[in-house]
Amino acid sequence: LVNFLAFLGWNPGTEQEMFSLDELIQEFDLERINKA
């Protein structure tokens, strides 16, 4: 659920879809949140 929710409005800029929580923390960036 956390992995799914992370992709609702944010993307890492890569093809990777499966992220552990630690990986999400490492990759997360407010600049990569979409307006739409």
Full PDB file with SEQRES, HELIX, SHEET, SSBOND, CRYST1, ORIGX, SCALE, CONECT and MASTER records, all heavy atoms in Angstrom:
SEQRES   1 A   36  LEU VAL ASN PHE LEU ALA PHE LEU GLY TRP ASN PRO GLY          
SEQRES   2 A   36  THR GLU GLN GLU MET PHE SER LEU ASP GLU LEU ILE GLN          
SEQRES   3 A   36  GLU PHE ASP LEU GLU ARG ILE ASN LYS ALA                      
HELIX    1 AA1 VAL A    2  ALA A    6  1                                   5    
HELIX    2 AA2 LEU A   21  GLU A   27  1                                   7    
HELIX    3 AA3 LEU A   30  ARG A   32  5                                   3    
CRYST1    1.000    1.000    1.000  90.00  90.00  90.00 P 1           1          
ORIGX1      1.000000  0.000000  0.000000        0.00000                         
ORIGX2      0.000000  1.000000  0.000000        0.00000                         
ORIGX3      0.000000  0.000000  1.000000        0.00000                         
SCALE1      1.000000  0.000000  0.000000        0.00000                         
SCALE2      0.000000  1.000000  0.000000        0.00000                         
SCALE3      0.000000  0.000000  1.000000        0.00000                         
ATOM      1  N   LEU A   1       0.835  -1.204   0.000  1.00  0.00           N  
ATOM      2  CA  LEU A   1       0.000   0.000   0.000  1.00  0.00           C  
ATOM      3  C   LEU A   1       0.869   1.252   0.000  1.00  0.00           C  
ATOM      4  O   LEU A   1       0.608   2.200  -0.748  1.00  0.00           O  
ATOM      5  CB  LEU A   1      -0.932   0.000   1.223  1.00  0.00           C  
ATOM      6  CG  LEU A   1      -1.838   1.231   1.374  1.00  0.00           C  
ATOM      7  CD1 LEU A   1      -2.784   1.369   0.192  1.00  0.00           C  
ATOM      8  CD2 LEU A   1      -2.625   1.161   2.681  1.00  0.00           C  
ATOM      9  N   VAL A   2       1.911   1.270   0.821  1.00  0.00           N  
ATOM     10  CA  VAL A   2       2.816   2.427   0.886  1.00  0.00           C  
ATOM     11  C   VAL A   2       3.497   2.651  -0.465  1.00  0.00           C  
ATOM     12  O   VAL A   2       3.586   3.776  -0.949  1.00  0.00           O  
ATOM     13  CB  VAL A   2       3.855   2.219   2.019  1.00  0.00           C  
ATOM     14  CG1 VAL A   2       5.043   3.149   1.863  1.00  0.00           C  
ATOM     15  CG2 VAL A   2       3.194   2.444   3.379  1.00  0.00           C  
ATOM     16  N   ASN A   3       3.965   1.571  -1.085  1.00  0.00           N  
ATOM     17  CA  ASN A   3       4.602   1.670  -2.399  1.00  0.00           C  
ATOM     18  C   ASN A   3       3.627   2.245  -3.437  1.00  0.00           C  
ATOM     19  O   ASN A   3       3.964   3.141  -4.214  1.00  0.00           O  
ATOM     20  CB  ASN A   3       5.092   0.289  -2.826  1.00  0.00           C  
ATOM     21  CG  ASN A   3       6.138   0.305  -3.935  1.00  0.00           C  
ATOM     22  OD1 ASN A   3       6.950  -0.608  -4.056  1.00  0.00           O  
ATOM     23  ND2 ASN A   3       6.137   1.335  -4.761  1.00  0.00           N  
ATOM     24  N   PHE A   4       2.402   1.747  -3.415  1.00  0.00           N  
ATOM     25  CA  PHE A   4       1.358   2.222  -4.333  1.00  0.00           C  
ATOM     26  C   PHE A   4       1.056   3.701  -4.099  1.00  0.00           C  
ATOM     27  O   PHE A   4       1.003   4.499  -5.045  1.00  0.00           O  
ATOM     28  CB  PHE A   4       0.096   1.378  -4.128  1.00  0.00           C  
ATOM     29  CG  PHE A   4      -1.129   1.895  -4.813  1.00  0.00           C  
ATOM     30  CD1 PHE A   4      -1.248   1.874  -6.196  1.00  0.00           C  
ATOM     31  CD2 PHE A   4      -2.189   2.417  -4.067  1.00  0.00           C  
ATOM     32  CE1 PHE A   4      -2.397   2.355  -6.830  1.00  0.00           C  
ATOM     33  CE2 PHE A   4      -3.327   2.902  -4.684  1.00  0.00           C  
ATOM     34  CZ  PHE A   4      -3.436   2.866  -6.072  1.00  0.00           C  
ATOM     35  N   LEU A   5       0.877   4.091  -2.845  1.00  0.00           N  
ATOM     36  CA  LEU A   5       0.533   5.483  -2.526  1.00  0.00           C  
ATOM     37  C   LEU A   5       1.645   6.456  -2.922  1.00  0.00           C  
ATOM     38  O   LEU A   5       1.376   7.580  -3.331  1.00  0.00           O  
ATOM     39  CB  LEU A   5       0.238   5.628  -1.027  1.00  0.00           C  
ATOM     40  CG  LEU A   5      -1.070   5.034  -0.525  1.00  0.00           C  
ATOM     41  CD1 LEU A   5      -1.195   5.224   0.978  1.00  0.00           C  
ATOM     42  CD2 LEU A   5      -2.270   5.648  -1.237  1.00  0.00           C  
ATOM     43  N   ALA A   6       2.897   6.005  -2.796  1.00  0.00           N  
ATOM     44  CA  ALA A   6       4.025   6.876  -3.143  1.00  0.00           C  
ATOM     45  C   ALA A   6       3.952   7.314  -4.601  1.00  0.00           C  
ATOM     46  O   ALA A   6       4.360   8.426  -4.955  1.00  0.00           O  
ATOM     47  CB  ALA A   6       5.344   6.158  -2.868  1.00  0.00           C  
ATOM     48  N   PHE A   7       3.391   6.434  -5.448  1.00  0.00           N  
ATOM     49  CA  PHE A   7       3.317   6.738  -6.882  1.00  0.00           C  
ATOM     50  C   PHE A   7       2.064   7.549  -7.256  1.00  0.00           C  
ATOM     51  O   PHE A   7       1.863   7.862  -8.421  1.00  0.00           O  
ATOM     52  CB  PHE A   7       3.378   5.450  -7.701  1.00  0.00           C  
ATOM     53  CG  PHE A   7       4.783   4.983  -7.946  1.00  0.00           C  
ATOM     54  CD1 PHE A   7       5.484   4.295  -6.971  1.00  0.00           C  
ATOM     55  CD2 PHE A   7       5.425   5.263  -9.140  1.00  0.00           C  
ATOM     56  CE1 PHE A   7       6.789   3.869  -7.178  1.00  0.00           C  
ATOM     57  CE2 PHE A   7       6.726   4.845  -9.369  1.00  0.00           C  
ATOM     58  CZ  PHE A   7       7.416   4.145  -8.382  1.00  0.00           C  
ATOM     59  N   LEU A   8       1.225   7.864  -6.278  1.00  0.00           N  
ATOM     60  CA  LEU A   8       0.067   8.719  -6.550  1.00  0.00           C  
ATOM     61  C   LEU A   8       0.492  10.175  -6.415  1.00  0.00           C  
ATOM     62  O   LEU A   8       0.350  10.809  -5.377  1.00  0.00           O  
ATOM     63  CB  LEU A   8      -1.084   8.402  -5.585  1.00  0.00           C  
ATOM     64  CG  LEU A   8      -1.779   7.057  -5.783  1.00  0.00           C  
ATOM     65  CD1 LEU A   8      -2.904   6.882  -4.785  1.00  0.00           C  
ATOM     66  CD2 LEU A   8      -2.313   6.904  -7.201  1.00  0.00           C  
ATOM     67  N   GLY A   9       1.066  10.694  -7.490  1.00  0.00           N  
ATOM     68  CA  GLY A   9       1.475  12.092  -7.499  1.00  0.00           C  
ATOM     69  C   GLY A   9       2.973  12.307  -7.506  1.00  0.00           C  
ATOM     70  O   GLY A   9       3.442  13.425  -7.689  1.00  0.00           O  
ATOM     71  N   TRP A  10       3.740  11.236  -7.300  1.00  0.00           N  
ATOM     72  CA  TRP A  10       5.213  11.345  -7.305  1.00  0.00           C  
ATOM     73  C   TRP A  10       5.778  10.267  -8.207  1.00  0.00           C  
ATOM     74  O   TRP A  10       5.171   9.212  -8.362  1.00  0.00           O  
ATOM     75  CB  TRP A  10       5.750  11.153  -5.878  1.00  0.00           C  
ATOM     76  CG  TRP A  10       7.247  11.001  -5.779  1.00  0.00           C  
ATOM     77  CD1 TRP A  10       8.170  12.010  -5.725  1.00  0.00           C  
ATOM     78  CD2 TRP A  10       8.006   9.778  -5.723  1.00  0.00           C  
ATOM     79  NE1 TRP A  10       9.437  11.493  -5.629  1.00  0.00           N  
ATOM     80  CE2 TRP A  10       9.375  10.112  -5.631  1.00  0.00           C  
ATOM     81  CE3 TRP A  10       7.661   8.418  -5.748  1.00  0.00           C  
ATOM     82  CZ2 TRP A  10      10.385   9.163  -5.562  1.00  0.00           C  
ATOM     83  CZ3 TRP A  10       8.666   7.469  -5.683  1.00  0.00           C  
ATOM     84  CH2 TRP A  10      10.005   7.843  -5.593  1.00  0.00           C  
ATOM     85  N   ASN A  11       6.916  10.549  -8.835  1.00  0.00           N  
ATOM     86  CA  ASN A  11       7.610   9.477  -9.553  1.00  0.00           C  
ATOM     87  C   ASN A  11       9.111   9.691  -9.390  1.00  0.00           C  
ATOM     88  O   ASN A  11       9.578  10.825  -9.252  1.00  0.00           O  
ATOM     89  CB  ASN A  11       7.197   9.412 -11.028  1.00  0.00           C  
ATOM     90  CG  ASN A  11       7.778  10.559 -11.834  1.00  0.00           C  
ATOM     91  OD1 ASN A  11       8.964  10.571 -12.163  1.00  0.00           O  
ATOM     92  ND2 ASN A  11       6.943  11.541 -12.138  1.00  0.00           N  
ATOM     93  N   PRO A  12       9.881   8.608  -9.417  1.00  0.00           N  
ATOM     94  CA  PRO A  12      11.320   8.722  -9.170  1.00  0.00           C  
ATOM     95  C   PRO A  12      12.123   9.173 -10.384  1.00  0.00           C  
ATOM     96  O   PRO A  12      13.320   9.414 -10.278  1.00  0.00           O  
ATOM     97  CB  PRO A  12      11.698   7.293  -8.767  1.00  0.00           C  
ATOM     98  CG  PRO A  12      10.722   6.434  -9.513  1.00  0.00           C  
ATOM     99  CD  PRO A  12       9.441   7.215  -9.582  1.00  0.00           C  
ATOM    100  N   GLY A  13      11.447   9.255 -11.543  1.00  0.00           N  
ATOM    101  CA  GLY A  13      12.171   9.648 -12.754  1.00  0.00           C  
ATOM    102  C   GLY A  13      12.887   8.483 -13.412  1.00  0.00           C  
ATOM    103  O   GLY A  13      13.687   8.659 -14.325  1.00  0.00           O  
ATOM    104  N   THR A  14      12.611   7.247 -12.939  1.00  0.00           N  
ATOM    105  CA  THR A  14      13.204   6.039 -13.535  1.00  0.00           C  
ATOM    106  C   THR A  14      12.082   5.050 -13.820  1.00  0.00           C  
ATOM    107  O   THR A  14      10.913   5.324 -13.539  1.00  0.00           O  
ATOM    108  CB  THR A  14      14.208   5.384 -12.565  1.00  0.00           C  
ATOM    109  OG1 THR A  14      13.484   4.931 -11.396  1.00  0.00           O  
ATOM    110  CG2 THR A  14      15.297   6.362 -12.133  1.00  0.00           C  
ATOM    111  N   GLU A  15      12.449   3.888 -14.336  1.00  0.00           N  
ATOM    112  CA  GLU A  15      11.456   2.843 -14.633  1.00  0.00           C  
ATOM    113  C   GLU A  15      11.126   1.997 -13.402  1.00  0.00           C  
ATOM    114  O   GLU A  15      10.197   1.204 -13.421  1.00  0.00           O  
ATOM    115  CB  GLU A  15      11.980   1.928 -15.758  1.00  0.00           C  
ATOM    116  CG  GLU A  15      12.138   2.620 -17.116  1.00  0.00           C  
ATOM    117  CD  GLU A  15      10.830   3.176 -17.644  1.00  0.00           C  
ATOM    118  OE1 GLU A  15       9.837   2.432 -17.705  1.00  0.00           O  
ATOM    119  OE2 GLU A  15      10.804   4.375 -17.997  1.00  0.00           O  
ATOM    120  N   GLN A  16      11.902   2.148 -12.337  1.00  0.00           N  
ATOM    121  CA  GLN A  16      11.695   1.324 -11.136  1.00  0.00           C  
ATOM    122  C   GLN A  16      10.336   1.612 -10.505  1.00  0.00           C  
ATOM    123  O   GLN A  16       9.937   2.755 -10.361  1.00  0.00           O  
ATOM    124  CB  GLN A  16      12.803   1.617 -10.106  1.00  0.00           C  
ATOM    125  CG  GLN A  16      12.730   0.722  -8.875  1.00  0.00           C  
ATOM    126  CD  GLN A  16      13.847   1.009  -7.877  1.00  0.00           C  
ATOM    127  OE1 GLN A  16      14.850   1.629  -8.220  1.00  0.00           O  
ATOM    128  NE2 GLN A  16      13.678   0.557  -6.642  1.00  0.00           N  
ATOM    129  N   GLU A  17       9.622   0.527 -10.153  1.00  0.00           N  
ATOM    130  CA  GLU A  17       8.316   0.673  -9.509  1.00  0.00           C  
ATOM    131  C   GLU A  17       8.288   0.108  -8.096  1.00  0.00           C  
ATOM    132  O   GLU A  17       7.532   0.568  -7.250  1.00  0.00           O  
ATOM    133  CB  GLU A  17       7.233  -0.027 -10.339  1.00  0.00           C  
ATOM    134  CG  GLU A  17       6.888   0.694 -11.623  1.00  0.00           C  
ATOM    135  CD  GLU A  17       5.680   0.073 -12.303  1.00  0.00           C  
ATOM    136  OE1 GLU A  17       5.838  -1.003 -12.922  1.00  0.00           O  
ATOM    137  OE2 GLU A  17       4.583   0.648 -12.211  1.00  0.00           O  
ATOM    138  N   MET A  18       9.103  -0.903  -7.849  1.00  0.00           N  
ATOM    139  CA  MET A  18       9.113  -1.554  -6.538  1.00  0.00           C  
ATOM    140  C   MET A  18      10.137  -0.870  -5.638  1.00  0.00           C  
ATOM    141  O   MET A  18      11.332  -0.859  -5.933  1.00  0.00           O  
ATOM    142  CB  MET A  18       9.453  -3.031  -6.686  1.00  0.00           C  
ATOM    143  CG  MET A  18       8.480  -3.808  -7.545  1.00  0.00           C  
ATOM    144  SD  MET A  18       6.882  -4.003  -6.735  1.00  0.00           S  
ATOM    145  CE  MET A  18       7.315  -5.135  -5.415  1.00  0.00           C  
ATOM    146  N   PHE A  19       9.647  -0.282  -4.556  1.00  0.00           N  
ATOM    147  CA  PHE A  19      10.508   0.424  -3.615  1.00  0.00           C  
ATOM    148  C   PHE A  19      10.206  -0.010  -2.184  1.00  0.00           C  
ATOM    149  O   PHE A  19       9.045  -0.006  -1.770  1.00  0.00           O  
ATOM    150  CB  PHE A  19      10.266   1.936  -3.692  1.00  0.00           C  
ATOM    151  CG  PHE A  19      10.860   2.622  -4.884  1.00  0.00           C  
ATOM    152  CD1 PHE A  19      10.186   2.651  -6.102  1.00  0.00           C  
ATOM    153  CD2 PHE A  19      12.091   3.255  -4.798  1.00  0.00           C  
ATOM    154  CE1 PHE A  19      10.721   3.290  -7.209  1.00  0.00           C  
ATOM    155  CE2 PHE A  19      12.642   3.899  -5.903  1.00  0.00           C  
ATOM    156  CZ  PHE A  19      11.963   3.921  -7.104  1.00  0.00           C  
ATOM    157  N   SER A  20      11.240  -0.342  -1.449  1.00  0.00           N  
ATOM    158  CA  SER A  20      11.060  -0.541  -0.008  1.00  0.00           C  
ATOM    159  C   SER A  20      10.908   0.845   0.621  1.00  0.00           C  
ATOM    160  O   SER A  20      11.189   1.864  -0.019  1.00  0.00           O  
ATOM    161  CB  SER A  20      12.280  -1.248   0.586  1.00  0.00           C  
ATOM    162  OG  SER A  20      13.411  -0.371   0.523  1.00  0.00           O  
ATOM    163  N   LEU A  21      10.508   0.893   1.878  1.00  0.00           N  
ATOM    164  CA  LEU A  21      10.354   2.178   2.551  1.00  0.00           C  
ATOM    165  C   LEU A  21      11.688   2.920   2.610  1.00  0.00           C  
ATOM    166  O   LEU A  21      11.747   4.135   2.374  1.00  0.00           O  
ATOM    167  CB  LEU A  21       9.794   1.968   3.962  1.00  0.00           C  
ATOM    168  CG  LEU A  21       9.342   3.233   4.708  1.00  0.00           C  
ATOM    169  CD1 LEU A  21       8.265   3.985   3.948  1.00  0.00           C  
ATOM    170  CD2 LEU A  21       8.840   2.878   6.104  1.00  0.00           C  
ATOM    171  N   ASP A  22      12.770   2.193   2.884  1.00  0.00           N  
ATOM    172  CA  ASP A  22      14.101   2.824   2.931  1.00  0.00           C  
ATOM    173  C   ASP A  22      14.493   3.395   1.573  1.00  0.00           C  
ATOM    174  O   ASP A  22      15.089   4.482   1.492  1.00  0.00           O  
ATOM    175  CB  ASP A  22      15.160   1.816   3.397  1.00  0.00           C  
ATOM    176  CG  ASP A  22      15.058   1.522   4.890  1.00  0.00           C  
ATOM    177  OD1 ASP A  22      14.436   2.339   5.607  1.00  0.00           O  
ATOM    178  OD2 ASP A  22      15.576   0.483   5.339  1.00  0.00           O  
ATOM    179  N   GLU A  23      14.144   2.675   0.511  1.00  0.00           N  
ATOM    180  CA  GLU A  23      14.447   3.173  -0.841  1.00  0.00           C  
ATOM    181  C   GLU A  23      13.615   4.410  -1.166  1.00  0.00           C  
ATOM    182  O   GLU A  23      14.099   5.357  -1.798  1.00  0.00           O  
ATOM    183  CB  GLU A  23      14.183   2.074  -1.874  1.00  0.00           C  
ATOM    184  CG  GLU A  23      15.211   0.965  -1.862  1.00  0.00           C  
ATOM    185  CD  GLU A  23      14.825  -0.200  -2.765  1.00  0.00           C  
ATOM    186  OE1 GLU A  23      13.624  -0.508  -2.887  1.00  0.00           O  
ATOM    187  OE2 GLU A  23      15.738  -0.810  -3.340  1.00  0.00           O  
ATOM    188  N   LEU A  24      12.348   4.410  -0.730  1.00  0.00           N  
ATOM    189  CA  LEU A  24      11.498   5.588  -0.949  1.00  0.00           C  
ATOM    190  C   LEU A  24      12.077   6.805  -0.234  1.00  0.00           C  
ATOM    191  O   LEU A  24      12.106   7.906  -0.792  1.00  0.00           O  
ATOM    192  CB  LEU A  24      10.076   5.323  -0.449  1.00  0.00           C  
ATOM    193  CG  LEU A  24       9.190   4.431  -1.317  1.00  0.00           C  
ATOM    194  CD1 LEU A  24       7.885   4.118  -0.600  1.00  0.00           C  
ATOM    195  CD2 LEU A  24       8.909   5.069  -2.672  1.00  0.00           C  
ATOM    196  N   ILE A  25      12.542   6.601   0.993  1.00  0.00           N  
ATOM    197  CA  ILE A  25      13.148   7.712   1.751  1.00  0.00           C  
ATOM    198  C   ILE A  25      14.350   8.259   0.992  1.00  0.00           C  
ATOM    199  O   ILE A  25      14.516   9.472   0.847  1.00  0.00           O  
ATOM    200  CB  ILE A  25      13.551   7.235   3.166  1.00  0.00           C  
ATOM    201  CG1 ILE A  25      12.304   6.970   4.018  1.00  0.00           C  
ATOM    202  CG2 ILE A  25      14.457   8.249   3.858  1.00  0.00           C  
ATOM    203  CD1 ILE A  25      12.566   6.192   5.308  1.00  0.00           C  
ATOM    204  N   GLN A  26      15.155   7.359   0.488  1.00  0.00           N  
ATOM    205  CA  GLN A  26      16.367   7.757  -0.220  1.00  0.00           C  
ATOM    206  C   GLN A  26      16.053   8.525  -1.508  1.00  0.00           C  
ATOM    207  O   GLN A  26      16.712   9.517  -1.840  1.00  0.00           O  
ATOM    208  CB  GLN A  26      17.182   6.500  -0.550  1.00  0.00           C  
ATOM    209  CG  GLN A  26      18.599   6.778  -1.022  1.00  0.00           C  
ATOM    210  CD  GLN A  26      19.354   5.477  -1.267  1.00  0.00           C  
ATOM    211  OE1 GLN A  26      19.098   4.464  -0.621  1.00  0.00           O  
ATOM    212  NE2 GLN A  26      20.269   5.488  -2.207  1.00  0.00           N  
ATOM    213  N   GLU A  27      15.023   8.085  -2.238  1.00  0.00           N  
ATOM    214  CA  GLU A  27      14.719   8.667  -3.550  1.00  0.00           C  
ATOM    215  C   GLU A  27      13.750   9.849  -3.496  1.00  0.00           C  
ATOM    216  O   GLU A  27      13.672  10.634  -4.444  1.00  0.00           O  
ATOM    217  CB  GLU A  27      14.124   7.591  -4.470  1.00  0.00           C  
ATOM    218  CG  GLU A  27      15.071   6.468  -4.834  1.00  0.00           C  
ATOM    219  CD  GLU A  27      16.269   6.951  -5.637  1.00  0.00           C  
ATOM    220  OE1 GLU A  27      16.107   7.891  -6.456  1.00  0.00           O  
ATOM    221  OE2 GLU A  27      17.366   6.415  -5.441  1.00  0.00           O  
ATOM    222  N   PHE A  28      13.005   9.983  -2.416  1.00  0.00           N  
ATOM    223  CA  PHE A  28      11.909  10.964  -2.380  1.00  0.00           C  
ATOM    224  C   PHE A  28      12.416  12.396  -2.531  1.00  0.00           C  
ATOM    225  O   PHE A  28      13.403  12.787  -1.915  1.00  0.00           O  
ATOM    226  CB  PHE A  28      11.118  10.834  -1.088  1.00  0.00           C  
ATOM    227  CG  PHE A  28       9.866  11.671  -1.074  1.00  0.00           C  
ATOM    228  CD1 PHE A  28       8.768  11.301  -1.839  1.00  0.00           C  
ATOM    229  CD2 PHE A  28       9.797  12.837  -0.336  1.00  0.00           C  
ATOM    230  CE1 PHE A  28       7.616  12.071  -1.856  1.00  0.00           C  
ATOM    231  CE2 PHE A  28       8.652  13.619  -0.337  1.00  0.00           C  
ATOM    232  CZ  PHE A  28       7.556  13.234  -1.101  1.00  0.00           C  
ATOM    233  N   ASP A  29      11.700  13.146  -3.347  1.00  0.00           N  
ATOM    234  CA  ASP A  29      12.061  14.539  -3.610  1.00  0.00           C  
ATOM    235  C   ASP A  29      10.775  15.311  -3.907  1.00  0.00           C  
ATOM    236  O   ASP A  29      10.009  14.926  -4.788  1.00  0.00           O  
ATOM    237  CB  ASP A  29      13.003  14.592  -4.821  1.00  0.00           C  
ATOM    238  CG  ASP A  29      13.553  15.987  -5.080  1.00  0.00           C  
ATOM    239  OD1 ASP A  29      13.054  16.951  -4.462  1.00  0.00           O  
ATOM    240  OD2 ASP A  29      14.467  16.117  -5.909  1.00  0.00           O  
ATOM    241  N   LEU A  30      10.534  16.385  -3.161  1.00  0.00           N  
ATOM    242  CA  LEU A  30       9.313  17.183  -3.380  1.00  0.00           C  
ATOM    243  C   LEU A  30       9.265  17.766  -4.789  1.00  0.00           C  
ATOM    244  O   LEU A  30       8.188  18.003  -5.328  1.00  0.00           O  
ATOM    245  CB  LEU A  30       9.245  18.323  -2.349  1.00  0.00           C  
ATOM    246  CG  LEU A  30       8.986  17.913  -0.889  1.00  0.00           C  
ATOM    247  CD1 LEU A  30       9.099  19.124   0.027  1.00  0.00           C  
ATOM    248  CD2 LEU A  30       7.623  17.260  -0.726  1.00  0.00           C  
ATOM    249  N   GLU A  31      10.428  17.989  -5.381  1.00  0.00           N  
ATOM    250  CA  GLU A  31      10.485  18.574  -6.733  1.00  0.00           C  
ATOM    251  C   GLU A  31       9.908  17.619  -7.786  1.00  0.00           C  
ATOM    252  O   GLU A  31       9.561  18.043  -8.881  1.00  0.00           O  
ATOM    253  CB  GLU A  31      11.942  18.909  -7.111  1.00  0.00           C  
ATOM    254  CG  GLU A  31      12.663  19.807  -6.116  1.00  0.00           C  
ATOM    255  CD  GLU A  31      12.356  21.277  -6.284  1.00  0.00           C  
ATOM    256  OE1 GLU A  31      11.703  21.603  -7.283  1.00  0.00           O  
ATOM    257  OE2 GLU A  31      12.736  22.074  -5.412  1.00  0.00           O  
ATOM    258  N   ARG A  32       9.811  16.333  -7.446  1.00  0.00           N  
ATOM    259  CA  ARG A  32       9.322  15.353  -8.413  1.00  0.00           C  
ATOM    260  C   ARG A  32       7.833  15.018  -8.210  1.00  0.00           C  
ATOM    261  O   ARG A  32       7.337  14.026  -8.734  1.00  0.00           O  
ATOM    262  CB  ARG A  32      10.164  14.077  -8.350  1.00  0.00           C  
ATOM    263  CG  ARG A  32      11.628  14.291  -8.721  1.00  0.00           C  
ATOM    264  CD  ARG A  32      12.268  13.010  -9.205  1.00  0.00           C  
ATOM    265  NE  ARG A  32      11.701  12.613 -10.489  1.00  0.00           N  
ATOM    266  CZ  ARG A  32      12.125  13.062 -11.672  1.00  0.00           C  
ATOM    267  NH1 ARG A  32      13.113  13.930 -11.737  1.00  0.00           N  
ATOM    268  NH2 ARG A  32      11.551  12.650 -12.789  1.00  0.00           N  
ATOM    269  N   ILE A  33       7.146  15.853  -7.439  1.00  0.00           N  
ATOM    270  CA  ILE A  33       5.697  15.675  -7.272  1.00  0.00           C  
ATOM    271  C   ILE A  33       4.994  16.395  -8.419  1.00  0.00           C  
ATOM    272  O   ILE A  33       5.350  17.519  -8.775  1.00  0.00           O  
ATOM    273  CB  ILE A  33       5.229  16.235  -5.908  1.00  0.00           C  
ATOM    274  CG1 ILE A  33       5.825  15.386  -4.772  1.00  0.00           C  
ATOM    275  CG2 ILE A  33       3.709  16.237  -5.812  1.00  0.00           C  
ATOM    276  CD1 ILE A  33       5.560  15.918  -3.390  1.00  0.00           C  
ATOM    277  N   ASN A  34       3.999  15.733  -9.004  1.00  0.00           N  
ATOM    278  CA  ASN A  34       3.274  16.307 -10.145  1.00  0.00           C  
ATOM    279  C   ASN A  34       2.189  17.275  -9.673  1.00  0.00           C  
ATOM    280  O   ASN A  34       1.649  17.133  -8.579  1.00  0.00           O  
ATOM    281  CB  ASN A  34       2.597  15.193 -10.955  1.00  0.00           C  
ATOM    282  CG  ASN A  34       3.578  14.114 -11.360  1.00  0.00           C  
ATOM    283  OD1 ASN A  34       4.682  14.409 -11.785  1.00  0.00           O  
ATOM    284  ND2 ASN A  34       3.189  12.856 -11.203  1.00  0.00           N  
ATOM    285  N   LYS A  35       1.857  18.219 -10.545  1.00  0.00           N  
ATOM    286  CA  LYS A  35       0.743  19.136 -10.251  1.00  0.00           C  
ATOM    287  C   LYS A  35      -0.594  18.451 -10.531  1.00  0.00           C  
ATOM    288  O   LYS A  35      -1.577  18.666  -9.832  1.00  0.00           O  
ATOM    289  CB  LYS A  35       0.824  20.387 -11.151  1.00  0.00           C  
ATOM    290  CG  LYS A  35       1.945  21.331 -10.826  1.00  0.00           C  
ATOM    291  CD  LYS A  35       1.861  22.527 -11.772  1.00  0.00           C  
ATOM    292  CE  LYS A  35       3.162  23.299 -11.779  1.00  0.00           C  
ATOM    293  NZ  LYS A  35       3.135  24.389 -12.761  1.00  0.00           N  
ATOM    294  N   ALA A  36      -0.620  17.647 -11.585  1.00  0.00           N  
ATOM    295  CA  ALA A  36      -1.883  17.038 -12.025  1.00  0.00           C  
ATOM    296  C   ALA A  36      -2.368  15.999 -11.027  1.00  0.00           C  
ATOM    297  O   ALA A  36      -1.575  15.338 -10.352  1.00  0.00           O  
ATOM    298  CB  ALA A  36      -1.690  16.390 -13.389  1.00  0.00           C  
TER     299      ALA A  36                                                      
MASTER        0    0    0    3    0    0    0    6  298    1    0    3          
END                                                                             
